[in-house]
Amino acid sequence: MVWIEAGVPTGWQAIAGPRDAVVGIDRFGESGPGTQVAEHLGLSAQHVAATALQTLGRSTGIPPDGNG
């Protein structure tokens, strides 16, 4: 399972299972157009999909950190 939070993921990390992945923002202070900031912070559809596939044991060739 992949838990996605457009904010601090601490609450989801507390209930996520050992095989789950949590995608969220662990910092703040960015400014700019919403979609660009979200992508910069790893909240893009591409990053979430890569994380989900990695959690399932598959690879997209795109690192889950979104840098690639």
PDB file of N, CA and C in Angstrom:
ATOM      1  N   MET A   1       0.841  -1.154   0.000  1.00  0.00           N
ATOM      2  CA  MET A   1       0.000   0.000   0.000  1.00  0.00           C
ATOM      3  C   MET A   1       0.900   1.233   0.000  1.00  0.00           C
ATOM      4  N   VAL A   2       0.455   2.265  -0.695  1.00  0.00           N
ATOM      5  CA  VAL A   2       1.173   3.531  -0.717  1.00  0.00           C
ATOM      6  C   VAL A   2       0.265   4.587  -0.096  1.00  0.00           C
ATOM      7  N   TRP A   3       0.772   5.244   0.919  1.00  0.00           N
ATOM      8  CA  TRP A   3       0.053   6.313   1.607  1.00  0.00           C
ATOM      9  C   TRP A   3       0.586   7.636   1.056  1.00  0.00           C
ATOM     10  N   ILE A   4      -0.304   8.541   0.663  1.00  0.00           N
ATOM     11  CA  ILE A   4       0.103   9.810   0.076  1.00  0.00           C
ATOM     12  C   ILE A   4      -0.496  10.943   0.900  1.00  0.00           C
ATOM     13  N   GLU A   5       0.359  11.867   1.318  1.00  0.00           N
ATOM     14  CA  GLU A   5      -0.081  13.018   2.115  1.00  0.00           C
ATOM     15  C   GLU A   5       0.600  14.270   1.584  1.00  0.00           C
ATOM     16  N   ALA A   6      -0.181  15.259   1.207  1.00  0.00           N
ATOM     17  CA  ALA A   6       0.380  16.533   0.736  1.00  0.00           C
ATOM     18  C   ALA A   6       0.692  17.404   1.951  1.00  0.00           C
ATOM     19  N   GLY A   7       1.391  16.826   2.874  1.00  0.00           N
ATOM     20  CA  GLY A   7       1.774  17.480   4.119  1.00  0.00           C
ATOM     21  C   GLY A   7       2.699  16.541   4.880  1.00  0.00           C
ATOM     22  N   VAL A   8       2.821  16.764   6.165  1.00  0.00           N
ATOM     23  CA  VAL A   8       3.704  15.943   7.001  1.00  0.00           C
ATOM     24  C   VAL A   8       3.132  14.526   7.094  1.00  0.00           C
ATOM     25  N   PRO A   9       3.912  13.506   6.703  1.00  0.00           N
ATOM     26  CA  PRO A   9       3.408  12.130   6.658  1.00  0.00           C
ATOM     27  C   PRO A   9       3.515  11.357   7.971  1.00  0.00           C
ATOM     28  N   THR A  10       3.890  12.021   9.064  1.00  0.00           N
ATOM     29  CA  THR A  10       4.140  11.328  10.321  1.00  0.00           C
ATOM     30  C   THR A  10       2.967  10.456  10.754  1.00  0.00           C
ATOM     31  N   GLY A  11       1.756  10.958  10.650  1.00  0.00           N
ATOM     32  CA  GLY A  11       0.585  10.171  11.062  1.00  0.00           C
ATOM     33  C   GLY A  11       0.433   8.889  10.264  1.00  0.00           C
ATOM     34  N   TRP A  12       0.673   8.962   8.958  1.00  0.00           N
ATOM     35  CA  TRP A  12       0.563   7.778   8.110  1.00  0.00           C
ATOM     36  C   TRP A  12       1.709   6.800   8.389  1.00  0.00           C
ATOM     37  N   GLN A  13       2.894   7.330   8.668  1.00  0.00           N
ATOM     38  CA  GLN A  13       4.030   6.459   8.968  1.00  0.00           C
ATOM     39  C   GLN A  13       3.758   5.639  10.220  1.00  0.00           C
ATOM     40  N   ALA A  14       2.996   6.206  11.146  1.00  0.00           N
ATOM     41  CA  ALA A  14       2.684   5.503  12.388  1.00  0.00           C
ATOM     42  C   ALA A  14       1.765   4.306  12.155  1.00  0.00           C
ATOM     43  N   ILE A  15       0.919   4.370  11.113  1.00  0.00           N
ATOM     44  CA  ILE A  15      -0.014   3.261  10.894  1.00  0.00           C
ATOM     45  C   ILE A  15       0.320   2.415   9.666  1.00  0.00           C
ATOM     46  N   ALA A  16       1.274   2.865   8.864  1.00  0.00           N
ATOM     47  CA  ALA A  16       1.664   2.105   7.667  1.00  0.00           C
ATOM     48  C   ALA A  16       2.341   0.799   8.079  1.00  0.00           C
ATOM     49  N   GLY A  17       2.107  -0.213   7.293  1.00  0.00           N
ATOM     50  CA  GLY A  17       2.724  -1.512   7.552  1.00  0.00           C
ATOM     51  C   GLY A  17       4.178  -1.544   7.093  1.00  0.00           C
ATOM     52  N   PRO A  18       4.890  -2.596   7.456  1.00  0.00           N
ATOM     53  CA  PRO A  18       6.315  -2.691   7.115  1.00  0.00           C
ATOM     54  C   PRO A  18       6.585  -2.785   5.610  1.00  0.00           C
ATOM     55  N   ARG A  19       5.616  -3.206   4.833  1.00  0.00           N
ATOM     56  CA  ARG A  19       5.801  -3.298   3.383  1.00  0.00           C
ATOM     57  C   ARG A  19       5.173  -2.123   2.642  1.00  0.00           C
ATOM     58  N   ASP A  20       4.633  -1.164   3.390  1.00  0.00           N
ATOM     59  CA  ASP A  20       3.990   0.006   2.801  1.00  0.00           C
ATOM     60  C   ASP A  20       5.025   1.095   2.512  1.00  0.00           C
ATOM     61  N   ALA A  21       4.646   2.037   1.683  1.00  0.00           N
ATOM     62  CA  ALA A  21       5.465   3.220   1.420  1.00  0.00           C
ATOM     63  C   ALA A  21       4.627   4.448   1.741  1.00  0.00           C
ATOM     64  N   VAL A  22       5.277   5.473   2.248  1.00  0.00           N
ATOM     65  CA  VAL A  22       4.600   6.729   2.569  1.00  0.00           C
ATOM     66  C   VAL A  22       5.258   7.844   1.772  1.00  0.00           C
ATOM     67  N   VAL A  23       4.453   8.574   1.009  1.00  0.00           N
ATOM     68  CA  VAL A  23       4.931   9.717   0.233  1.00  0.00           C
ATOM     69  C   VAL A  23       4.325  10.964   0.863  1.00  0.00           C
ATOM     70  N   GLY A  24       5.183  11.886   1.255  1.00  0.00           N
ATOM     71  CA  GLY A  24       4.695  13.115   1.865  1.00  0.00           C
ATOM     72  C   GLY A  24       5.785  14.166   1.857  1.00  0.00           C
ATOM     73  N   ILE A  25       5.512  15.260   2.528  1.00  0.00           N
ATOM     74  CA  ILE A  25       6.449  16.375   2.586  1.00  0.00           C
ATOM     75  C   ILE A  25       6.992  16.465   4.000  1.00  0.00           C
ATOM     76  N   ASP A  26       8.305  16.361   4.140  1.00  0.00           N
ATOM     77  CA  ASP A  26       8.915  16.408   5.471  1.00  0.00           C
ATOM     78  C   ASP A  26       9.622  17.737   5.722  1.00  0.00           C
ATOM     79  N   ARG A  27       9.263  18.729   4.934  1.00  0.00           N
ATOM     80  CA  ARG A  27       9.841  20.063   5.115  1.00  0.00           C
ATOM     81  C   ARG A  27       8.853  21.091   4.590  1.00  0.00           C
ATOM     82  N   PHE A  28       9.130  22.342   4.838  1.00  0.00           N
ATOM     83  CA  PHE A  28       8.253  23.393   4.353  1.00  0.00           C
ATOM     84  C   PHE A  28       9.089  24.620   3.994  1.00  0.00           C
ATOM     85  N   GLY A  29       8.449  25.645   3.476  1.00  0.00           N
ATOM     86  CA  GLY A  29       9.144  26.868   3.148  1.00  0.00           C
ATOM     87  C   GLY A  29       9.333  27.093   1.663  1.00  0.00           C
ATOM     88  N   GLU A  30       8.784  26.218   0.830  1.00  0.00           N
ATOM     89  CA  GLU A  30       8.888  26.402  -0.616  1.00  0.00           C
ATOM     90  C   GLU A  30       7.798  27.372  -1.072  1.00  0.00           C
ATOM     91  N   SER A  31       8.068  28.043  -2.159  1.00  0.00           N
ATOM     92  CA  SER A  31       7.110  28.994  -2.680  1.00  0.00           C
ATOM     93  C   SER A  31       7.155  28.955  -4.202  1.00  0.00           C
ATOM     94  N   GLY A  32       6.009  29.080  -4.829  1.00  0.00           N
ATOM     95  CA  GLY A  32       5.916  29.073  -6.278  1.00  0.00           C
ATOM     96  C   GLY A  32       4.585  28.509  -6.713  1.00  0.00           C
ATOM     97  N   PRO A  33       4.395  28.325  -8.017  1.00  0.00           N
ATOM     98  CA  PRO A  33       3.157  27.717  -8.503  1.00  0.00           C
ATOM     99  C   PRO A  33       2.973  26.316  -7.903  1.00  0.00           C
ATOM    100  N   GLY A  34       1.764  26.039  -7.463  1.00  0.00           N
ATOM    101  CA  GLY A  34       1.476  24.798  -6.742  1.00  0.00           C
ATOM    102  C   GLY A  34       1.974  23.530  -7.396  1.00  0.00           C
ATOM    103  N   THR A  35       1.718  23.357  -8.684  1.00  0.00           N
ATOM    104  CA  THR A  35       2.136  22.121  -9.345  1.00  0.00           C
ATOM    105  C   THR A  35       3.652  21.996  -9.405  1.00  0.00           C
ATOM    106  N   GLN A  36       4.333  23.117  -9.594  1.00  0.00           N
ATOM    107  CA  GLN A  36       5.794  23.074  -9.641  1.00  0.00           C
ATOM    108  C   GLN A  36       6.388  22.763  -8.272  1.00  0.00           C
ATOM    109  N   VAL A  37       5.823  23.356  -7.230  1.00  0.00           N
ATOM    110  CA  VAL A  37       6.306  23.087  -5.874  1.00  0.00           C
ATOM    111  C   VAL A  37       6.027  21.633  -5.504  1.00  0.00           C
ATOM    112  N   ALA A  38       4.833  21.141  -5.812  1.00  0.00           N
ATOM    113  CA  ALA A  38       4.494  19.754  -5.509  1.00  0.00           C
ATOM    114  C   ALA A  38       5.455  18.803  -6.208  1.00  0.00           C
ATOM    115  N   GLU A  39       5.737  19.050  -7.471  1.00  0.00           N
ATOM    116  CA  GLU A  39       6.671  18.194  -8.207  1.00  0.00           C
ATOM    117  C   GLU A  39       8.075  18.269  -7.603  1.00  0.00           C
ATOM    118  N   HIS A  40       8.507  19.470  -7.259  1.00  0.00           N
ATOM    119  CA  HIS A  40       9.826  19.657  -6.641  1.00  0.00           C
ATOM    120  C   HIS A  40       9.935  18.878  -5.331  1.00  0.00           C
ATOM    121  N   LEU A  41       8.828  18.777  -4.603  1.00  0.00           N
ATOM    122  CA  LEU A  41       8.818  18.086  -3.308  1.00  0.00           C
ATOM    123  C   LEU A  41       8.489  16.597  -3.426  1.00  0.00           C
ATOM    124  N   GLY A  42       8.355  16.096  -4.644  1.00  0.00           N
ATOM    125  CA  GLY A  42       8.114  14.669  -4.835  1.00  0.00           C
ATOM    126  C   GLY A  42       6.668  14.255  -4.823  1.00  0.00           C
ATOM    127  N   LEU A  43       5.756  15.199  -5.016  1.00  0.00           N
ATOM    128  CA  LEU A  43       4.338  14.871  -5.043  1.00  0.00           C
ATOM    129  C   LEU A  43       3.775  14.903  -6.455  1.00  0.00           C
ATOM    130  N   SER A  44       4.556  14.396  -7.400  1.00  0.00           N
ATOM    131  CA  SER A  44       4.082  14.309  -8.779  1.00  0.00           C
ATOM    132  C   SER A  44       3.483  12.924  -9.010  1.00  0.00           C
ATOM    133  N   ALA A  45       2.640  12.834 -10.012  1.00  0.00           N
ATOM    134  CA  ALA A  45       2.056  11.537 -10.363  1.00  0.00           C
ATOM    135  C   ALA A  45       3.157  10.544 -10.718  1.00  0.00           C
ATOM    136  N   GLN A  46       4.199  11.013 -11.404  1.00  0.00           N
ATOM    137  CA  GLN A  46       5.316  10.140 -11.799  1.00  0.00           C
ATOM    138  C   GLN A  46       6.018   9.574 -10.562  1.00  0.00           C
ATOM    139  N   HIS A  47       6.273  10.396  -9.571  1.00  0.00           N
ATOM    140  CA  HIS A  47       6.946   9.938  -8.354  1.00  0.00           C
ATOM    141  C   HIS A  47       6.076   8.961  -7.572  1.00  0.00           C
ATOM    142  N   VAL A  48       4.796   9.279  -7.440  1.00  0.00           N
ATOM    143  CA  VAL A  48       3.885   8.391  -6.710  1.00  0.00           C
ATOM    144  C   VAL A  48       3.775   7.044  -7.424  1.00  0.00           C
ATOM    145  N   ALA A  49       3.673   7.070  -8.759  1.00  0.00           N
ATOM    146  CA  ALA A  49       3.592   5.822  -9.528  1.00  0.00           C
ATOM    147  C   ALA A  49       4.866   5.005  -9.374  1.00  0.00           C
ATOM    148  N   ALA A  50       6.038   5.658  -9.433  1.00  0.00           N
ATOM    149  CA  ALA A  50       7.309   4.943  -9.269  1.00  0.00           C
ATOM    150  C   ALA A  50       7.406   4.327  -7.885  1.00  0.00           C
ATOM    151  N   THR A  51       6.939   5.048  -6.865  1.00  0.00           N
ATOM    152  CA  THR A  51       6.949   4.515  -5.499  1.00  0.00           C
ATOM    153  C   THR A  51       6.019   3.317  -5.383  1.00  0.00           C
ATOM    154  N   ALA A  52       4.832   3.413  -5.980  1.00  0.00           N
ATOM    155  CA  ALA A  52       3.875   2.305  -5.935  1.00  0.00           C
ATOM    156  C   ALA A  52       4.444   1.067  -6.623  1.00  0.00           C
ATOM    157  N   LEU A  53       5.037   1.253  -7.798  1.00  0.00           N
ATOM    158  CA  LEU A  53       5.608   0.116  -8.515  1.00  0.00           C
ATOM    159  C   LEU A  53       6.779  -0.492  -7.755  1.00  0.00           C
ATOM    160  N   GLN A  54       7.607   0.354  -7.130  1.00  0.00           N
ATOM    161  CA  GLN A  54       8.709  -0.175  -6.331  1.00  0.00           C
ATOM    162  C   GLN A  54       8.167  -0.967  -5.143  1.00  0.00           C
ATOM    163  N   THR A  55       7.099  -0.476  -4.527  1.00  0.00           N
ATOM    164  CA  THR A  55       6.488  -1.174  -3.402  1.00  0.00           C
ATOM    165  C   THR A  55       5.973  -2.543  -3.841  1.00  0.00           C
ATOM    166  N   LEU A  56       5.518  -2.628  -5.078  1.00  0.00           N
ATOM    167  CA  LEU A  56       5.038  -3.905  -5.623  1.00  0.00           C
ATOM    168  C   LEU A  56       6.178  -4.788  -6.129  1.00  0.00           C
ATOM    169  N   GLY A  57       7.398  -4.266  -6.057  1.00  0.00           N
ATOM    170  CA  GLY A  57       8.549  -5.049  -6.506  1.00  0.00           C
ATOM    171  C   GLY A  57       8.827  -4.917  -7.984  1.00  0.00           C
ATOM    172  N   ARG A  58       8.322  -3.861  -8.581  1.00  0.00           N
ATOM    173  CA  ARG A  58       8.539  -3.624  -9.999  1.00  0.00           C
ATOM    174  C   ARG A  58       9.373  -2.370 -10.167  1.00  0.00           C
ATOM    175  N   SER A  59       9.891  -2.168 -11.352  1.00  0.00           N
ATOM    176  CA  SER A  59      10.739  -0.999 -11.607  1.00  0.00           C
ATOM    177  C   SER A  59      10.249  -0.245 -12.830  1.00  0.00           C
ATOM    178  N   THR A  60      10.337   1.088 -12.765  1.00  0.00           N
ATOM    179  CA  THR A  60       9.991   1.927 -13.903  1.00  0.00           C
ATOM    180  C   THR A  60      11.249   2.507 -14.536  1.00  0.00           C
ATOM    181  N   GLY A  61      12.386   2.326 -13.889  1.00  0.00           N
ATOM    182  CA  GLY A  61      13.605   2.979 -14.342  1.00  0.00           C
ATOM    183  C   GLY A  61      13.714   4.397 -13.818  1.00  0.00           C
ATOM    184  N   ILE A  62      12.683   4.860 -13.111  1.00  0.00           N
ATOM    185  CA  ILE A  62      12.681   6.185 -12.518  1.00  0.00           C
ATOM    186  C   ILE A  62      12.882   6.018 -11.027  1.00  0.00           C
ATOM    187  N   PRO A  63      13.935   6.621 -10.455  1.00  0.00           N
ATOM    188  CA  PRO A  63      14.137   6.483  -9.011  1.00  0.00           C
ATOM    189  C   PRO A  63      12.957   7.079  -8.240  1.00  0.00           C
ATOM    190  N   PRO A  64      12.496   6.441  -7.151  1.00  0.00           N
ATOM    191  CA  PRO A  64      11.372   6.968  -6.379  1.00  0.00           C
ATOM    192  C   PRO A  64      11.633   8.360  -5.809  1.00  0.00           C
ATOM    193  N   ASP A  65      12.913   8.787  -5.728  1.00  0.00           N
ATOM    194  CA  ASP A  65      13.169  10.127  -5.227  1.00  0.00           C
ATOM    195  C   ASP A  65      12.838  11.183  -6.273  1.00  0.00           C
ATOM    196  N   GLY A  66      12.424  10.733  -7.483  1.00  0.00           N
ATOM    197  CA  GLY A  66      12.027  11.639  -8.538  1.00  0.00           C
ATOM    198  C   GLY A  66      13.157  12.263  -9.309  1.00  0.00           C
ATOM    199  N   ASN A  67      14.389  11.968  -8.958  1.00  0.00           N
ATOM    200  CA  ASN A  67      15.535  12.557  -9.634  1.00  0.00           C
ATOM    201  C   ASN A  67      16.065  11.594 -10.680  1.00  0.00           C
ATOM    202  N   GLY A  68      15.509  11.621 -11.840  1.00  0.00           N
ATOM    203  CA  GLY A  68      16.027  10.731 -12.858  1.00  0.00           C
ATOM    204  C   GLY A  68      15.289  10.746 -14.129  1.00  0.00           C
TER     205      GLY A  68
END
